[in-house]
Protein backbone atom coordinates (compact mmCIF):
# COMPACT_ATOMS: atom_id res chain seq x y z
CA MET A 1 54.36 -15.22 -44.53
CA LEU A 2 54.32 -17.50 -47.71
CA HIS A 3 51.74 -17.18 -50.72
CA LEU A 4 51.72 -19.68 -53.71
CA PHE A 5 50.55 -19.10 -57.27
CA SER A 6 50.05 -21.31 -60.33
CA ASN A 7 48.51 -20.80 -63.88
CA THR A 8 45.43 -22.29 -64.58
CA ASN A 9 43.66 -21.54 -67.82
CA GLY A 10 45.92 -18.21 -68.62
CA GLN A 11 45.02 -16.45 -65.40
CA LEU A 12 46.72 -16.99 -61.69
CA VAL A 13 45.31 -19.28 -59.11
CA SER A 14 45.92 -18.82 -55.45
CA ALA A 15 47.59 -22.37 -53.48
CA SER A 16 47.59 -23.12 -50.48
CA GLY A 17 50.78 -21.88 -48.63
CA ASP A 18 51.76 -25.12 -47.07
CA VAL A 19 52.42 -27.50 -49.81
CA VAL A 20 55.21 -25.90 -51.91
CA SER A 21 55.89 -27.78 -55.32
CA ASN A 22 57.31 -27.47 -58.67
CA GLU A 23 53.56 -26.51 -59.91
CA ALA A 24 53.85 -23.22 -58.36
CA LEU A 25 54.84 -20.63 -60.58
CA TRP A 26 54.85 -17.72 -58.74
CA ILE A 27 56.11 -18.02 -54.81
CA ASP A 28 55.62 -14.62 -52.74
CA LEU A 29 57.42 -14.64 -49.61
CA VAL A 30 56.66 -11.49 -47.26
CA SER A 31 58.91 -11.38 -44.30
CA PRO A 32 59.32 -15.20 -44.18
CA GLU A 33 59.91 -17.11 -41.48
CA PRO A 34 63.08 -19.11 -41.56
CA THR A 35 61.47 -22.65 -42.19
CA GLU A 36 59.52 -21.28 -45.48
CA VAL A 37 62.71 -19.90 -46.73
CA ALA A 38 64.45 -23.44 -46.00
CA ARG A 39 61.46 -25.16 -47.99
CA VAL A 40 61.43 -22.52 -50.90
CA GLU A 41 66.07 -22.80 -51.11
CA ALA A 42 65.20 -26.89 -51.31
CA LEU A 43 62.47 -26.65 -53.76
CA LEU A 44 64.67 -24.85 -56.56
CA ASP A 45 68.14 -25.53 -55.23
CA ILE A 46 68.93 -22.07 -54.90
CA GLU A 47 70.25 -19.70 -51.48
CA LEU A 48 67.96 -16.54 -50.85
CA PRO A 49 69.85 -13.94 -50.21
CA THR A 50 69.22 -12.50 -46.58
CA ARG A 51 67.46 -8.90 -45.81
CA ALA A 52 71.66 -7.44 -44.77
CA GLU A 53 72.21 -8.68 -48.41
CA MET A 54 69.19 -7.37 -50.06
CA GLU A 55 69.83 -3.69 -48.83
CA GLU A 56 73.40 -3.92 -50.27
CA ILE A 57 73.79 -0.91 -52.91
CA GLU A 58 76.59 -2.61 -54.84
CA LEU A 59 75.15 -4.06 -58.06
CA SER A 60 77.60 -7.13 -58.00
CA ALA A 61 75.29 -8.03 -54.98
CA ARG A 62 71.59 -7.01 -56.45
CA LEU A 63 72.14 -8.64 -59.31
CA TYR A 64 73.62 -11.54 -60.62
CA THR A 65 73.37 -14.93 -61.62
CA GLU A 66 73.65 -18.15 -59.51
CA ALA A 67 72.72 -21.75 -59.44
CA GLY A 68 71.32 -21.31 -63.20
CA ALA A 69 69.18 -18.39 -61.24
CA GLU A 70 68.52 -14.83 -62.00
CA PHE A 71 68.68 -13.15 -58.85
CA MET A 72 67.68 -9.13 -58.95
CA THR A 73 66.90 -6.42 -56.33
CA LEU A 74 65.22 -3.37 -56.54
CA THR A 75 64.50 -0.41 -54.30
CA ALA A 76 60.14 -0.42 -53.97
CA LEU A 77 58.04 2.20 -52.32
CA ALA A 78 55.45 1.51 -49.44
CA ARG A 79 53.01 3.21 -47.91
CA LEU A 80 52.80 5.88 -50.39
CA ASP A 81 49.52 7.08 -49.28
CA THR A 82 50.70 7.60 -45.95
CA GLU A 83 52.72 10.74 -44.42
CA GLU A 84 55.76 8.48 -43.68
CA PRO A 85 56.64 6.13 -47.25
CA ILE A 86 59.55 3.81 -47.03
CA LYS A 87 62.04 2.32 -49.38
CA THR A 88 61.96 -1.49 -48.90
CA PRO A 89 64.32 -4.21 -50.94
CA VAL A 90 62.29 -6.57 -53.06
CA THR A 91 64.14 -9.14 -54.88
CA PHE A 92 63.01 -11.29 -57.84
CA ILE A 93 64.25 -14.84 -58.19
CA LEU A 94 63.78 -16.43 -61.65
CA LYS A 95 64.69 -19.85 -62.12
CA ASN A 96 63.20 -22.11 -65.29
CA ARG A 97 60.09 -20.66 -65.67
CA SER A 98 59.21 -20.02 -61.89
CA LEU A 99 59.34 -16.64 -60.05
CA VAL A 100 60.28 -16.04 -56.15
CA THR A 101 59.47 -12.90 -54.90
CA LEU A 102 61.04 -12.05 -51.53
CA ARG A 103 60.55 -8.78 -49.38
CA TYR A 104 59.69 -7.13 -45.80
CA ALA A 105 57.02 -5.04 -46.26
CA GLU A 106 53.59 -5.05 -47.46
CA ALA A 107 53.34 -3.32 -51.31
CA LYS A 108 50.49 -2.55 -52.81
CA PRO A 109 51.84 -3.22 -56.51
CA PHE A 110 52.05 -6.90 -55.69
CA ALA A 111 47.99 -7.26 -54.43
CA ALA A 112 46.73 -5.08 -57.12
CA TYR A 113 48.80 -7.58 -60.16
CA SER A 114 47.68 -10.78 -58.01
CA MET A 115 44.16 -9.38 -58.29
CA ARG A 116 44.54 -8.40 -61.73
CA ALA A 117 46.21 -11.55 -62.69
CA GLN A 118 43.48 -13.65 -60.81
CA ARG A 119 41.07 -12.52 -63.18
CA PRO A 120 39.54 -13.82 -66.78
CA SER A 121 41.38 -12.58 -69.30
CA ALA A 122 44.16 -11.16 -67.56
CA ALA A 123 47.76 -9.99 -68.56
CA PRO A 124 50.40 -12.25 -69.38
CA CYS A 125 51.15 -14.80 -66.50
CA ALA A 126 52.46 -18.18 -68.46
CA SER A 127 55.85 -17.62 -66.89
CA GLY A 128 57.75 -15.86 -63.97
CA GLU A 129 59.56 -13.56 -66.27
CA GLU A 130 55.78 -12.27 -67.59
CA ILE A 131 54.90 -11.81 -63.91
CA MET A 132 57.76 -10.17 -62.65
CA LEU A 133 57.71 -7.65 -65.58
CA GLY A 134 53.86 -7.53 -64.88
CA ILE A 135 54.54 -6.29 -60.94
CA ILE A 136 57.21 -3.85 -61.95
CA GLU A 137 54.59 -2.54 -63.98
CA ALA A 138 52.30 -2.05 -61.60
CA MET A 139 54.90 -0.55 -59.44
CA ILE A 140 55.65 1.99 -62.11
CA ASP A 141 52.02 2.77 -62.22
CA ARG A 142 51.64 3.50 -58.57
CA THR A 143 54.91 5.64 -59.01
CA ALA A 144 53.13 7.93 -61.73
CA ASP A 145 50.26 7.79 -59.23
CA ALA A 146 52.42 9.36 -56.45
CA LEU A 147 54.29 11.58 -58.74
CA GLU A 148 50.83 13.17 -59.90
CA ARG A 149 49.89 13.31 -56.04
CA VAL A 150 53.22 15.34 -55.03
CA GLY A 151 53.08 17.66 -58.04
CA ASN A 152 49.26 18.54 -57.15
CA GLU A 153 50.53 19.90 -53.86
CA ILE A 154 53.47 21.44 -54.82
CA ASP A 155 51.05 23.13 -56.50
CA GLY A 156 49.15 24.03 -53.70
CA ILE A 157 52.31 25.33 -51.50
CA SER A 158 53.14 27.05 -54.85
CA HIS A 159 50.34 29.24 -54.56
CA GLU A 160 50.72 29.73 -50.61
CA ILE A 161 54.43 31.13 -51.34
CA PHE A 162 53.48 33.10 -54.57
CA GLY A 163 49.79 33.62 -55.12
CA ARG A 164 48.07 36.95 -55.79
CA ASN A 165 45.73 38.43 -53.40
CA GLY A 166 41.99 36.54 -53.71
CA LYS A 167 41.48 33.45 -55.18
CA ARG A 168 43.54 32.05 -57.73
CA ASN A 169 42.90 28.82 -59.30
CA GLY A 170 40.87 27.55 -56.12
CA HIS A 171 43.39 28.21 -53.76
CA VAL A 172 43.25 31.27 -51.72
CA LYS A 173 46.73 33.06 -50.87
CA ALA A 174 47.65 33.24 -47.07
CA ASP A 175 48.43 36.38 -45.89
CA LYS A 176 51.35 37.33 -43.84
CA LYS A 177 49.27 36.63 -40.65
CA THR A 178 48.19 33.47 -41.41
CA ARG A 179 50.90 32.41 -43.37
CA ASP A 180 52.92 29.76 -41.63
CA LEU A 181 56.50 29.73 -43.32
CA GLN A 182 57.91 26.97 -40.61
CA SER A 183 55.21 25.01 -42.01
CA LEU A 184 55.90 26.11 -45.82
CA LEU A 185 59.60 24.67 -44.95
CA ASP A 186 58.50 20.64 -43.42
CA ARG A 187 56.22 20.19 -46.30
CA ILE A 188 59.01 21.18 -49.04
CA GLY A 189 61.38 18.95 -46.95
CA ASP A 190 58.78 16.18 -46.63
CA LYS A 191 58.32 16.63 -50.17
CA THR A 192 61.44 16.66 -51.50
CA GLU A 193 62.33 13.29 -49.56
CA LEU A 194 59.58 11.50 -51.32
CA LEU A 195 60.96 12.53 -54.79
CA THR A 196 64.20 11.77 -53.63
CA MET A 197 63.14 8.43 -52.80
CA ILE A 198 60.92 7.93 -56.13
CA GLN A 199 64.25 8.51 -57.75
CA GLU A 200 66.06 6.38 -55.83
CA SER A 201 63.32 3.51 -56.46
CA LEU A 202 63.13 4.53 -60.57
CA ILE A 203 66.73 4.10 -61.16
CA SER A 204 66.78 0.40 -59.29
CA VAL A 205 64.21 -0.60 -61.86
CA SER A 206 65.78 0.73 -65.05
CA ARG A 207 69.01 -0.98 -63.93
CA LEU A 208 67.06 -4.48 -63.14
CA VAL A 209 65.42 -4.38 -66.19
CA ALA A 210 68.16 -3.26 -68.25
CA TYR A 211 69.84 -6.16 -66.59
CA HIS A 212 66.97 -8.74 -67.08
CA ALA A 213 67.09 -7.82 -71.06
CA ALA A 214 70.66 -8.01 -71.78
CA LEU A 215 70.26 -11.90 -70.87
CA ASP A 216 69.89 -12.77 -74.30
CA ARG A 217 73.16 -11.79 -75.38
CA ARG A 218 74.45 -14.18 -72.90
CA GLY A 219 73.35 -17.22 -74.43
CA GLN A 220 69.42 -17.23 -72.61
CA LYS A 221 66.48 -16.14 -74.33
CA VAL A 222 64.38 -13.54 -73.38
CA GLY A 223 60.88 -13.92 -75.11
CA LYS A 224 60.25 -11.13 -77.47
CA GLU A 225 56.89 -9.90 -76.15
CA SER A 226 59.39 -9.43 -72.53
CA ARG A 227 61.94 -7.65 -74.38
CA SER A 228 58.63 -5.20 -75.87
CA VAL A 229 57.49 -4.77 -72.06
CA ALA A 230 60.89 -4.20 -70.77
CA LYS A 231 61.70 -1.16 -73.22
CA LEU A 232 58.14 0.09 -72.60
CA ILE A 233 59.23 -0.22 -68.57
CA GLN A 234 62.27 1.37 -69.07
CA ARG A 235 61.24 4.36 -71.07
CA ASP A 236 58.60 4.93 -68.40
CA ALA A 237 60.73 4.56 -65.61
CA SER A 238 63.02 7.09 -67.53
CA SER A 239 60.15 9.53 -68.37
CA LEU A 240 58.84 9.71 -64.48
CA ALA A 241 62.48 9.98 -63.07
CA ASP A 242 62.70 12.92 -65.68
CA HIS A 243 59.32 14.34 -64.15
CA ALA A 244 60.64 13.56 -60.61
CA ARG A 245 64.08 15.80 -61.15
CA ALA A 246 62.05 18.68 -62.27
CA LEU A 247 59.37 18.70 -59.58
CA THR A 248 62.47 18.64 -57.10
CA ALA A 249 64.39 21.81 -59.38
CA ARG A 250 60.84 23.31 -58.65
CA LEU A 251 60.83 22.59 -54.74
CA ASN A 252 64.35 23.71 -54.63
CA PHE A 253 63.62 27.17 -56.23
CA MET A 254 60.78 27.03 -53.46
CA LEU A 255 62.84 26.39 -50.68
CA ASP A 256 65.40 29.49 -51.66
CA ALA A 257 62.32 31.77 -51.75
CA THR A 258 60.44 30.68 -48.70
CA LEU A 259 63.96 31.35 -46.57
CA GLY A 260 63.85 34.71 -49.43
CA MET A 261 60.75 35.64 -47.71
CA ILE A 262 61.66 34.88 -43.87
CA ASN A 263 64.99 36.79 -44.27
CA LEU A 264 62.40 39.94 -45.71
CA GLU A 265 60.14 39.20 -42.78
CA GLN A 266 63.15 39.33 -40.35
CA ASN A 267 64.30 42.36 -42.07
CA GLN A 268 61.12 44.25 -42.17
CA ILE A 269 61.11 43.56 -38.04
CA ILE A 270 64.58 44.86 -37.82
CA LYS A 271 63.68 48.17 -39.84
CA ILE A 272 60.87 48.62 -37.57
CA PHE A 273 62.73 48.60 -34.38
CA SER A 274 65.44 50.97 -36.35
CA VAL A 275 62.31 53.82 -37.48
CA ALA A 276 61.35 53.33 -33.90
CA SER A 277 64.45 54.00 -31.68
CA VAL A 278 65.31 57.04 -34.52
CA ALA A 279 61.79 58.43 -33.91
CA PHE A 280 62.01 58.09 -30.21
CA LEU A 281 65.85 59.88 -30.16
CA PRO A 282 64.38 63.27 -30.36
CA PRO A 283 62.05 63.10 -27.03
CA THR A 284 64.83 61.47 -25.41
CA LEU A 285 67.38 64.31 -26.11
CA VAL A 286 64.43 66.87 -24.95
CA ALA A 287 64.07 64.73 -22.01
CA SER A 288 67.69 64.28 -21.17
CA ILE A 289 68.16 67.92 -21.09
CA TYR A 290 64.93 69.09 -19.10
CA GLY A 291 66.55 66.69 -16.36
CA MET A 292 69.97 68.24 -15.56
CA ASN A 293 68.12 70.81 -13.14
CA PHE A 294 70.24 73.25 -13.77
CA GLN A 295 69.73 76.39 -11.43
CA MET A 296 70.02 78.98 -14.26
CA MET A 297 67.10 76.90 -16.62
CA PRO A 298 64.82 79.81 -17.40
CA GLU A 299 62.14 77.18 -17.84
CA LEU A 300 61.90 75.03 -14.65
CA ASN A 301 60.46 78.47 -13.22
CA TRP A 302 57.75 79.11 -16.04
CA GLU A 303 54.36 77.99 -15.55
CA PHE A 304 54.07 76.55 -19.00
CA GLY A 305 57.55 74.99 -18.83
CA TYR A 306 56.38 71.35 -18.22
CA PRO A 307 53.22 71.34 -20.90
CA LEU A 308 56.09 72.95 -23.28
CA ALA A 309 58.29 70.25 -22.66
CA ILE A 310 55.62 67.66 -22.85
CA GLY A 311 54.73 68.99 -26.41
CA VAL A 312 57.90 69.38 -27.86
CA MET A 313 58.72 65.48 -26.99
CA VAL A 314 55.75 64.42 -28.50
CA MET A 315 55.94 66.81 -31.49
CA SER A 316 59.80 65.68 -32.01
CA ALA A 317 58.41 62.07 -31.94
CA VAL A 318 55.46 62.83 -34.89
CA VAL A 319 57.20 64.72 -37.22
CA PRO A 320 60.19 61.78 -37.75
CA TYR A 321 57.34 59.46 -37.92
CA LEU A 322 54.88 61.49 -40.22
CA TYR A 323 58.51 62.17 -42.36
CA PHE A 324 59.18 58.12 -42.38
CA LYS A 325 55.59 57.26 -43.58
CA ARG A 326 55.72 59.43 -46.25
CA ARG A 327 59.08 58.20 -47.54
CA GLY A 328 57.28 54.80 -47.70
CA TRP A 329 60.04 53.66 -44.71
CA LEU A 330 57.00 52.18 -42.62
């Protein structure tokens, strides 16, 4: 799919996707057809990277200059508001004053920025560089929202694990009968995976912005306003990465605590079986003695021998139980 935008009176205006011309300030390619790729390559005299090339992790394959154009690829996140977020590479190509974005997944920051830039008194969008930085800012905002949501969900998991009896900050602690430790492990794993993806995305954003901001040291001019925005993006990405690492450390602690609780519950079950086996040893001994059927056992012919044996077995089981209960072993 091909989306074209031009600048009219300081705001973006959507153009027809059938005609690719030099008037297009922003060319957005979403899972493009080969014919669309060929049209853009012919217009700007560049070669767009393939999807496999976009997914390479080497810096030399992600950040480079070729044919007078600047190629920059970062790892973006999509479907952040679903249960299955994904990573997807996004390539920004700057040549002259035009921007080409190449991606293979729908990402909400692109739609959010395009809608905002098409309004009167919109954000700066006079050049491809300003559009690129605006899109990256929208990505940072989206990532910050995701981190805030993850932080709140981690608070809920923490209250389920460590909360005191009754309500605490609006959360109700689950008791041992209702607490599902396996579910907690699954949720902790999902949040850890999402935070790992967020950190990877933020690192790629920082590298891209740093590479672009360094262009003025190679004889190319980066505007003062753009450098200011780039520094702001780098600062935000760094602070969000620190926050994501803090949340990851907290999740690791909660994972260790949950595994510890699973071990405690297993030990408690084993202890119950151990105490029960010890409590039933005396009755078993009494039953074994009177099950030998020797001729000279006087109780065999006694009228009250059977009730006495039963009573001794019951008492020999009750006494250890009461002793264990008093000692707090049960």
